[in-house]
Amino acid sequence: MSPTDVNDLLDVVAKVLLRCLIFGFILILFWAGFFVLAGSVVYDLHGSMFHLEQHELNVIHYCGIAFVKLVVICFFFFPWAAIRLVLRRR
């Protein structure tokens, strides 16, 4: 495999990771926005289904959003940044 092939492959992987990062943050924004704007609907649906209080549901959603954000950053941002640094040095 020639160096240009490796650079092309890394460039493609970096583009895929960047798109995944963007989609991940769109998911987080959609989730947080829906929860803020329609929190009572979410509570009415899930609270009655699982017998949760409002505070418990808020904590679950907040922790879920934080977990997804952490996963998106760890699995998409850091590899993308590392690949971009490698490509810049070449």
PDB file of N, CA and C in Angstrom:
ATOM      1  N   MET A   1       0.847  -1.168   0.000  1.00  0.00           N
ATOM      2  CA  MET A   1       0.000   0.000   0.000  1.00  0.00           C
ATOM      3  C   MET A   1       0.898   1.238   0.000  1.00  0.00           C
ATOM      4  N   SER A   2       0.679   2.106  -0.930  1.00  0.00           N
ATOM      5  CA  SER A   2       1.519   3.296  -1.054  1.00  0.00           C
ATOM      6  C   SER A   2       1.069   4.376  -0.057  1.00  0.00           C
ATOM      7  N   PRO A   3       1.958   5.323   0.224  1.00  0.00           N
ATOM      8  CA  PRO A   3       1.600   6.395   1.167  1.00  0.00           C
ATOM      9  C   PRO A   3       0.388   7.215   0.723  1.00  0.00           C
ATOM     10  N   THR A   4       0.214   7.387  -0.580  1.00  0.00           N
ATOM     11  CA  THR A   4      -0.961   8.147  -1.027  1.00  0.00           C
ATOM     12  C   THR A   4      -2.241   7.366  -0.772  1.00  0.00           C
ATOM     13  N   ASP A   5      -2.164   6.017  -0.907  1.00  0.00           N
ATOM     14  CA  ASP A   5      -3.339   5.202  -0.596  1.00  0.00           C
ATOM     15  C   ASP A   5      -3.691   5.292   0.888  1.00  0.00           C
ATOM     16  N   VAL A   6      -2.678   5.269   1.729  1.00  0.00           N
ATOM     17  CA  VAL A   6      -2.906   5.390   3.174  1.00  0.00           C
ATOM     18  C   VAL A   6      -3.484   6.760   3.500  1.00  0.00           C
ATOM     19  N   ASN A   7      -2.950   7.809   2.890  1.00  0.00           N
ATOM     20  CA  ASN A   7      -3.488   9.157   3.116  1.00  0.00           C
ATOM     21  C   ASN A   7      -4.932   9.264   2.656  1.00  0.00           C
ATOM     22  N   ASP A   8      -5.244   8.669   1.503  1.00  0.00           N
ATOM     23  CA  ASP A   8      -6.624   8.691   1.007  1.00  0.00           C
ATOM     24  C   ASP A   8      -7.555   7.928   1.951  1.00  0.00           C
ATOM     25  N   LEU A   9      -7.091   6.769   2.423  1.00  0.00           N
ATOM     26  CA  LEU A   9      -7.901   5.983   3.351  1.00  0.00           C
ATOM     27  C   LEU A   9      -8.133   6.740   4.650  1.00  0.00           C
ATOM     28  N   LEU A  10      -7.085   7.337   5.197  1.00  0.00           N
ATOM     29  CA  LEU A  10      -7.237   8.110   6.429  1.00  0.00           C
ATOM     30  C   LEU A  10      -8.147   9.314   6.223  1.00  0.00           C
ATOM     31  N   ASP A  11      -8.058   9.933   5.064  1.00  0.00           N
ATOM     32  CA  ASP A  11      -8.933  11.072   4.766  1.00  0.00           C
ATOM     33  C   ASP A  11     -10.397  10.643   4.726  1.00  0.00           C
ATOM     34  N   VAL A  12     -10.667   9.494   4.127  1.00  0.00           N
ATOM     35  CA  VAL A  12     -12.043   8.984   4.068  1.00  0.00           C
ATOM     36  C   VAL A  12     -12.544   8.639   5.469  1.00  0.00           C
ATOM     37  N   VAL A  13     -11.705   7.980   6.251  1.00  0.00           N
ATOM     38  CA  VAL A  13     -12.099   7.632   7.617  1.00  0.00           C
ATOM     39  C   VAL A  13     -12.356   8.897   8.435  1.00  0.00           C
ATOM     40  N   ALA A  14     -11.520   9.913   8.264  1.00  0.00           N
ATOM     41  CA  ALA A  14     -11.719  11.179   8.982  1.00  0.00           C
ATOM     42  C   ALA A  14     -13.038  11.830   8.578  1.00  0.00           C
ATOM     43  N   LYS A  15     -13.382  11.772   7.316  1.00  0.00           N
ATOM     44  CA  LYS A  15     -14.653  12.351   6.868  1.00  0.00           C
ATOM     45  C   LYS A  15     -15.841  11.595   7.449  1.00  0.00           C
ATOM     46  N   VAL A  16     -15.739  10.277   7.510  1.00  0.00           N
ATOM     47  CA  VAL A  16     -16.813   9.475   8.096  1.00  0.00           C
ATOM     48  C   VAL A  16     -16.957   9.789   9.584  1.00  0.00           C
ATOM     49  N   LEU A  17     -15.836   9.867  10.293  1.00  0.00           N
ATOM     50  CA  LEU A  17     -15.881  10.187  11.720  1.00  0.00           C
ATOM     51  C   LEU A  17     -16.466  11.579  11.969  1.00  0.00           C
ATOM     52  N   LEU A  18     -16.130  12.537  11.112  1.00  0.00           N
ATOM     53  CA  LEU A  18     -16.685  13.881  11.264  1.00  0.00           C
ATOM     54  C   LEU A  18     -18.195  13.874  11.059  1.00  0.00           C
ATOM     55  N   ARG A  19     -18.656  13.134  10.068  1.00  0.00           N
ATOM     56  CA  ARG A  19     -20.111  13.039   9.856  1.00  0.00           C
ATOM     57  C   ARG A  19     -20.805  12.358  11.032  1.00  0.00           C
ATOM     58  N   CYS A  20     -20.191  11.315  11.569  1.00  0.00           N
ATOM     59  CA  CYS A  20     -20.755  10.644  12.743  1.00  0.00           C
ATOM     60  C   CYS A  20     -20.796  11.588  13.942  1.00  0.00           C
ATOM     61  N   LEU A  21     -19.762  12.400  14.095  1.00  0.00           N
ATOM     62  CA  LEU A  21     -19.729  13.393  15.165  1.00  0.00           C
ATOM     63  C   LEU A  21     -20.872  14.392  15.017  1.00  0.00           C
ATOM     64  N   ILE A  22     -21.069  14.872  13.806  1.00  0.00           N
ATOM     65  CA  ILE A  22     -22.143  15.830  13.549  1.00  0.00           C
ATOM     66  C   ILE A  22     -23.503  15.197  13.810  1.00  0.00           C
ATOM     67  N   PHE A  23     -23.717  13.979  13.305  1.00  0.00           N
ATOM     68  CA  PHE A  23     -24.989  13.289  13.537  1.00  0.00           C
ATOM     69  C   PHE A  23     -25.209  13.006  15.022  1.00  0.00           C
ATOM     70  N   GLY A  24     -24.138  12.684  15.741  1.00  0.00           N
ATOM     71  CA  GLY A  24     -24.263  12.449  17.175  1.00  0.00           C
ATOM     72  C   GLY A  24     -24.704  13.693  17.921  1.00  0.00           C
ATOM     73  N   PHE A  25     -24.126  14.832  17.572  1.00  0.00           N
ATOM     74  CA  PHE A  25     -24.535  16.069  18.239  1.00  0.00           C
ATOM     75  C   PHE A  25     -25.929  16.518  17.805  1.00  0.00           C
ATOM     76  N   ILE A  26     -26.316  16.209  16.582  1.00  0.00           N
ATOM     77  CA  ILE A  26     -27.693  16.489  16.165  1.00  0.00           C
ATOM     78  C   ILE A  26     -28.667  15.654  16.984  1.00  0.00           C
ATOM     79  N   LEU A  27     -28.321  14.383  17.215  1.00  0.00           N
ATOM     80  CA  LEU A  27     -29.152  13.519  18.054  1.00  0.00           C
ATOM     81  C   LEU A  27     -29.261  14.084  19.462  1.00  0.00           C
ATOM     82  N   ILE A  28     -28.149  14.532  20.020  1.00  0.00           N
ATOM     83  CA  ILE A  28     -28.160  15.092  21.373  1.00  0.00           C
ATOM     84  C   ILE A  28     -29.020  16.357  21.421  1.00  0.00           C
ATOM     85  N   LEU A  29     -28.869  17.224  20.430  1.00  0.00           N
ATOM     86  CA  LEU A  29     -29.671  18.453  20.396  1.00  0.00           C
ATOM     87  C   LEU A  29     -31.153  18.149  20.234  1.00  0.00           C
ATOM     88  N   PHE A  30     -31.471  17.180  19.372  1.00  0.00           N
ATOM     89  CA  PHE A  30     -32.869  16.794  19.182  1.00  0.00           C
ATOM     90  C   PHE A  30     -33.445  16.221  20.473  1.00  0.00           C
ATOM     91  N   TRP A  31     -32.694  15.331  21.121  1.00  0.00           N
ATOM     92  CA  TRP A  31     -33.147  14.714  22.366  1.00  0.00           C
ATOM     93  C   TRP A  31     -33.358  15.771  23.449  1.00  0.00           C
ATOM     94  N   ALA A  32     -32.373  16.648  23.642  1.00  0.00           N
ATOM     95  CA  ALA A  32     -32.486  17.675  24.670  1.00  0.00           C
ATOM     96  C   ALA A  32     -33.602  18.667  24.337  1.00  0.00           C
ATOM     97  N   GLY A  33     -33.693  19.053  23.072  1.00  0.00           N
ATOM     98  CA  GLY A  33     -34.758  19.980  22.672  1.00  0.00           C
ATOM     99  C   GLY A  33     -36.133  19.388  22.854  1.00  0.00           C
ATOM    100  N   PHE A  34     -36.301  18.132  22.470  1.00  0.00           N
ATOM    101  CA  PHE A  34     -37.594  17.469  22.642  1.00  0.00           C
ATOM    102  C   PHE A  34     -37.929  17.333  24.118  1.00  0.00           C
ATOM    103  N   PHE A  35     -36.922  17.025  24.922  1.00  0.00           N
ATOM    104  CA  PHE A  35     -37.172  16.859  26.346  1.00  0.00           C
ATOM    105  C   PHE A  35     -37.516  18.188  27.007  1.00  0.00           C
ATOM    106  N   VAL A  36     -36.877  19.274  26.571  1.00  0.00           N
ATOM    107  CA  VAL A  36     -37.170  20.587  27.147  1.00  0.00           C
ATOM    108  C   VAL A  36     -38.540  21.093  26.676  1.00  0.00           C
ATOM    109  N   LEU A  37     -38.818  20.951  25.385  1.00  0.00           N
ATOM    110  CA  LEU A  37     -40.059  21.494  24.830  1.00  0.00           C
ATOM    111  C   LEU A  37     -41.284  20.627  25.100  1.00  0.00           C
ATOM    112  N   ALA A  38     -41.092  19.314  25.164  1.00  0.00           N
ATOM    113  CA  ALA A  38     -42.227  18.417  25.346  1.00  0.00           C
ATOM    114  C   ALA A  38     -42.002  17.503  26.546  1.00  0.00           C
ATOM    115  N   GLY A  39     -41.413  18.034  27.609  1.00  0.00           N
ATOM    116  CA  GLY A  39     -41.113  17.233  28.792  1.00  0.00           C
ATOM    117  C   GLY A  39     -42.339  16.639  29.449  1.00  0.00           C
ATOM    118  N   SER A  40     -43.438  17.370  29.430  1.00  0.00           N
ATOM    119  CA  SER A  40     -44.658  16.845  30.066  1.00  0.00           C
ATOM    120  C   SER A  40     -45.230  15.670  29.273  1.00  0.00           C
ATOM    121  N   VAL A  41     -45.119  15.733  27.946  1.00  0.00           N
ATOM    122  CA  VAL A  41     -45.592  14.614  27.117  1.00  0.00           C
ATOM    123  C   VAL A  41     -44.733  13.381  27.372  1.00  0.00           C
ATOM    124  N   VAL A  42     -43.437  13.593  27.459  1.00  0.00           N
ATOM    125  CA  VAL A  42     -42.519  12.483  27.737  1.00  0.00           C
ATOM    126  C   VAL A  42     -42.818  11.902  29.109  1.00  0.00           C
ATOM    127  N   TYR A  43     -43.051  12.768  30.087  1.00  0.00           N
ATOM    128  CA  TYR A  43     -43.358  12.293  31.431  1.00  0.00           C
ATOM    129  C   TYR A  43     -44.683  11.547  31.458  1.00  0.00           C
ATOM    130  N   ASP A  44     -45.686  12.066  30.780  1.00  0.00           N
ATOM    131  CA  ASP A  44     -46.985  11.393  30.758  1.00  0.00           C
ATOM    132  C   ASP A  44     -46.874  10.001  30.145  1.00  0.00           C
ATOM    133  N   LEU A  45     -46.082   9.868  29.113  1.00  0.00           N
ATOM    134  CA  LEU A  45     -45.934   8.579  28.442  1.00  0.00           C
ATOM    135  C   LEU A  45     -45.080   7.611  29.259  1.00  0.00           C
ATOM    136  N   HIS A  46     -43.866   8.034  29.610  1.00  0.00           N
ATOM    137  CA  HIS A  46     -42.941   7.121  30.272  1.00  0.00           C
ATOM    138  C   HIS A  46     -43.162   7.020  31.775  1.00  0.00           C
ATOM    139  N   GLY A  47     -43.612   8.102  32.374  1.00  0.00           N
ATOM    140  CA  GLY A  47     -43.848   8.068  33.817  1.00  0.00           C
ATOM    141  C   GLY A  47     -44.920   7.080  34.197  1.00  0.00           C
ATOM    142  N   SER A  48     -45.988   7.058  33.436  1.00  0.00           N
ATOM    143  CA  SER A  48     -47.066   6.112  33.744  1.00  0.00           C
ATOM    144  C   SER A  48     -46.683   4.684  33.360  1.00  0.00           C
ATOM    145  N   MET A  49     -45.881   4.548  32.308  1.00  0.00           N
ATOM    146  CA  MET A  49     -45.480   3.215  31.865  1.00  0.00           C
ATOM    147  C   MET A  49     -44.567   2.533  32.874  1.00  0.00           C
ATOM    148  N   PHE A  50     -43.636   3.295  33.431  1.00  0.00           N
ATOM    149  CA  PHE A  50     -42.623   2.721  34.318  1.00  0.00           C
ATOM    150  C   PHE A  50     -42.762   3.186  35.762  1.00  0.00           C
ATOM    151  N   HIS A  51     -43.843   3.890  36.084  1.00  0.00           N
ATOM    152  CA  HIS A  51     -44.113   4.382  37.433  1.00  0.00           C
ATOM    153  C   HIS A  51     -42.939   5.212  37.965  1.00  0.00           C
ATOM    154  N   LEU A  52     -42.545   6.201  37.178  1.00  0.00           N
ATOM    155  CA  LEU A  52     -41.434   7.085  37.541  1.00  0.00           C
ATOM    156  C   LEU A  52     -41.975   8.439  37.971  1.00  0.00           C
ATOM    157  N   GLU A  53     -41.245   9.070  38.878  1.00  0.00           N
ATOM    158  CA  GLU A  53     -41.561  10.442  39.237  1.00  0.00           C
ATOM    159  C   GLU A  53     -40.885  11.381  38.243  1.00  0.00           C
ATOM    160  N   GLN A  54     -41.309  12.621  38.230  1.00  0.00           N
ATOM    161  CA  GLN A  54     -40.753  13.618  37.308  1.00  0.00           C
ATOM    162  C   GLN A  54     -39.242  13.769  37.501  1.00  0.00           C
ATOM    163  N   HIS A  55     -38.819  13.833  38.757  1.00  0.00           N
ATOM    164  CA  HIS A  55     -37.388  13.994  39.039  1.00  0.00           C
ATOM    165  C   HIS A  55     -36.585  12.791  38.538  1.00  0.00           C
ATOM    166  N   GLU A  56     -37.094  11.590  38.769  1.00  0.00           N
ATOM    167  CA  GLU A  56     -36.395  10.386  38.311  1.00  0.00           C
ATOM    168  C   GLU A  56     -36.246  10.376  36.795  1.00  0.00           C
ATOM    169  N   LEU A  57     -37.298  10.743  36.099  1.00  0.00           N
ATOM    170  CA  LEU A  57     -37.244  10.780  34.642  1.00  0.00           C
ATOM    171  C   LEU A  57     -36.264  11.842  34.147  1.00  0.00           C
ATOM    172  N   ASN A  58     -36.241  12.994  34.814  1.00  0.00           N
ATOM    173  CA  ASN A  58     -35.279  14.042  34.446  1.00  0.00           C
ATOM    174  C   ASN A  58     -33.843  13.560  34.622  1.00  0.00           C
ATOM    175  N   VAL A  59     -33.573  12.867  35.716  1.00  0.00           N
ATOM    176  CA  VAL A  59     -32.227  12.356  35.975  1.00  0.00           C
ATOM    177  C   VAL A  59     -31.846  11.315  34.925  1.00  0.00           C
ATOM    178  N   ILE A  60     -32.755  10.432  34.579  1.00  0.00           N
ATOM    179  CA  ILE A  60     -32.489   9.409  33.576  1.00  0.00           C
ATOM    180  C   ILE A  60     -32.163  10.054  32.230  1.00  0.00           C
ATOM    181  N   HIS A  61     -32.960  11.019  31.826  1.00  0.00           N
ATOM    182  CA  HIS A  61     -32.711  11.677  30.541  1.00  0.00           C
ATOM    183  C   HIS A  61     -31.421  12.492  30.571  1.00  0.00           C
ATOM    184  N   TYR A  62     -31.156  13.182  31.659  1.00  0.00           N
ATOM    185  CA  TYR A  62     -29.922  13.964  31.758  1.00  0.00           C
ATOM    186  C   TYR A  62     -28.699  13.051  31.696  1.00  0.00           C
ATOM    187  N   CYS A  63     -28.743  11.954  32.420  1.00  0.00           N
ATOM    188  CA  CYS A  63     -27.628  10.995  32.385  1.00  0.00           C
ATOM    189  C   CYS A  63     -27.486  10.360  31.005  1.00  0.00           C
ATOM    190  N   GLY A  64     -28.603  10.082  30.353  1.00  0.00           N
ATOM    191  CA  GLY A  64     -28.555   9.522  29.002  1.00  0.00           C
ATOM    192  C   GLY A  64     -27.933  10.488  28.012  1.00  0.00           C
ATOM    193  N   ILE A  65     -28.321  11.739  28.086  1.00  0.00           N
ATOM    194  CA  ILE A  65     -27.751  12.756  27.201  1.00  0.00           C
ATOM    195  C   ILE A  65     -26.263  12.914  27.476  1.00  0.00           C
ATOM    196  N   ALA A  66     -25.876  12.940  28.738  1.00  0.00           N
ATOM    197  CA  ALA A  66     -24.458  13.065  29.085  1.00  0.00           C
ATOM    198  C   ALA A  66     -23.666  11.850  28.603  1.00  0.00           C
ATOM    199  N   PHE A  67     -24.243  10.648  28.729  1.00  0.00           N
ATOM    200  CA  PHE A  67     -23.555   9.433  28.284  1.00  0.00           C
ATOM    201  C   PHE A  67     -23.369   9.438  26.771  1.00  0.00           C
ATOM    202  N   VAL A  68     -24.406   9.800  26.033  1.00  0.00           N
ATOM    203  CA  VAL A  68     -24.304   9.840  24.570  1.00  0.00           C
ATOM    204  C   VAL A  68     -23.277  10.887  24.147  1.00  0.00           C
ATOM    205  N   LYS A  69     -23.267  12.017  24.821  1.00  0.00           N
ATOM    206  CA  LYS A  69     -22.286  13.060  24.512  1.00  0.00           C
ATOM    207  C   LYS A  69     -20.868  12.557  24.754  1.00  0.00           C
ATOM    208  N   LEU A  70     -20.650  11.878  25.860  1.00  0.00           N
ATOM    209  CA  LEU A  70     -19.339  11.316  26.161  1.00  0.00           C
ATOM    210  C   LEU A  70     -18.924  10.282  25.127  1.00  0.00           C
ATOM    211  N   VAL A  71     -19.842   9.426  24.732  1.00  0.00           N
ATOM    212  CA  VAL A  71     -19.550   8.389  23.731  1.00  0.00           C
ATOM    213  C   VAL A  71     -19.231   9.028  22.378  1.00  0.00           C
ATOM    214  N   VAL A  72     -20.001  10.027  21.982  1.00  0.00           N
ATOM    215  CA  VAL A  72     -19.760  10.704  20.703  1.00  0.00           C
ATOM    216  C   VAL A  72     -18.383  11.359  20.701  1.00  0.00           C
ATOM    217  N   ILE A  73     -18.037  12.012  21.782  1.00  0.00           N
ATOM    218  CA  ILE A  73     -16.723  12.662  21.848  1.00  0.00           C
ATOM    219  C   ILE A  73     -15.604  11.628  21.845  1.00  0.00           C
ATOM    220  N   CYS A  74     -15.734  10.576  22.640  1.00  0.00           N
ATOM    221  CA  CYS A  74     -14.661   9.578  22.744  1.00  0.00           C
ATOM    222  C   CYS A  74     -14.482   8.765  21.467  1.00  0.00           C
ATOM    223  N   PHE A  75     -15.582   8.370  20.845  1.00  0.00           N
ATOM    224  CA  PHE A  75     -15.482   7.466  19.706  1.00  0.00           C
ATOM    225  C   PHE A  75     -15.430   8.161  18.351  1.00  0.00           C
ATOM    226  N   PHE A  76     -15.794   9.432  18.286  1.00  0.00           N
ATOM    227  CA  PHE A  76     -15.791  10.118  17.002  1.00  0.00           C
ATOM    228  C   PHE A  76     -14.853  11.323  16.969  1.00  0.00           C
ATOM    229  N   PHE A  77     -14.871  12.154  18.019  1.00  0.00           N
ATOM    230  CA  PHE A  77     -14.037  13.353  17.975  1.00  0.00           C
ATOM    231  C   PHE A  77     -12.559  13.039  18.134  1.00  0.00           C
ATOM    232  N   PHE A  78     -12.204  12.262  19.161  1.00  0.00           N
ATOM    233  CA  PHE A  78     -10.789  11.983  19.404  1.00  0.00           C
ATOM    234  C   PHE A  78     -10.139  11.234  18.251  1.00  0.00           C
ATOM    235  N   PRO A  79     -10.762  10.195  17.687  1.00  0.00           N
ATOM    236  CA  PRO A  79     -10.142   9.557  16.512  1.00  0.00           C
ATOM    237  C   PRO A  79     -10.044  10.499  15.313  1.00  0.00           C
ATOM    238  N   TRP A  80     -11.071  11.330  15.094  1.00  0.00           N
ATOM    239  CA  TRP A  80     -11.026  12.287  13.994  1.00  0.00           C
ATOM    240  C   TRP A  80      -9.863  13.268  14.185  1.00  0.00           C
ATOM    241  N   ALA A  81      -9.713  13.786  15.405  1.00  0.00           N
ATOM    242  CA  ALA A  81      -8.632  14.733  15.678  1.00  0.00           C
ATOM    243  C   ALA A  81      -7.260  14.071  15.511  1.00  0.00           C
ATOM    244  N   ALA A  82      -7.141  12.825  15.946  1.00  0.00           N
ATOM    245  CA  ALA A  82      -5.865  12.114  15.802  1.00  0.00           C
ATOM    246  C   ALA A  82      -5.523  11.889  14.331  1.00  0.00           C
ATOM    247  N   ILE A  83      -6.506  11.501  13.549  1.00  0.00           N
ATOM    248  CA  ILE A  83      -6.268  11.281  12.115  1.00  0.00           C
ATOM    249  C   ILE A  83      -5.904  12.598  11.434  1.00  0.00           C
ATOM    250  N   ARG A  84      -6.597  13.668  11.773  1.00  0.00           N
ATOM    251  CA  ARG A  84      -6.282  14.963  11.169  1.00  0.00           C
ATOM    252  C   ARG A  84      -4.856  15.406  11.530  1.00  0.00           C
ATOM    253  N   LEU A  85      -4.413  15.138  12.756  1.00  0.00           N
ATOM    254  CA  LEU A  85      -3.045  15.485  13.147  1.00  0.00           C
ATOM    255  C   LEU A  85      -2.026  14.663  12.368  1.00  0.00           C
ATOM    256  N   VAL A  86      -2.327  13.379  12.157  1.00  0.00           N
ATOM    257  CA  VAL A  86      -1.420  12.526  11.390  1.00  0.00           C
ATOM    258  C   VAL A  86      -1.347  13.010   9.943  1.00  0.00           C
ATOM    259  N   LEU A  87      -2.495  13.335   9.370  1.00  0.00           N
ATOM    260  CA  LEU A  87      -2.511  13.798   7.982  1.00  0.00           C
ATOM    261  C   LEU A  87      -1.824  15.144   7.831  1.00  0.00           C
ATOM    262  N   ARG A  88      -1.899  15.991   8.834  1.00  0.00           N
ATOM    263  CA  ARG A  88      -1.240  17.300   8.758  1.00  0.00           C
ATOM    264  C   ARG A  88       0.278  17.149   8.749  1.00  0.00           C
ATOM    265  N   ARG A  89       0.782  16.161   9.490  1.00  0.00           N
ATOM    266  CA  ARG A  89       2.228  15.960   9.566  1.00  0.00           C
ATOM    267  C   ARG A  89       2.797  15.361   8.278  1.00  0.00           C
ATOM    268  N   ARG A  90       1.977  14.645   7.536  1.00  0.00           N
ATOM    269  CA  ARG A  90       2.486  13.992   6.314  1.00  0.00           C
ATOM    270  C   ARG A  90       2.650  14.981   5.219  1.00  0.00           C
TER     271      ARG A  90
END
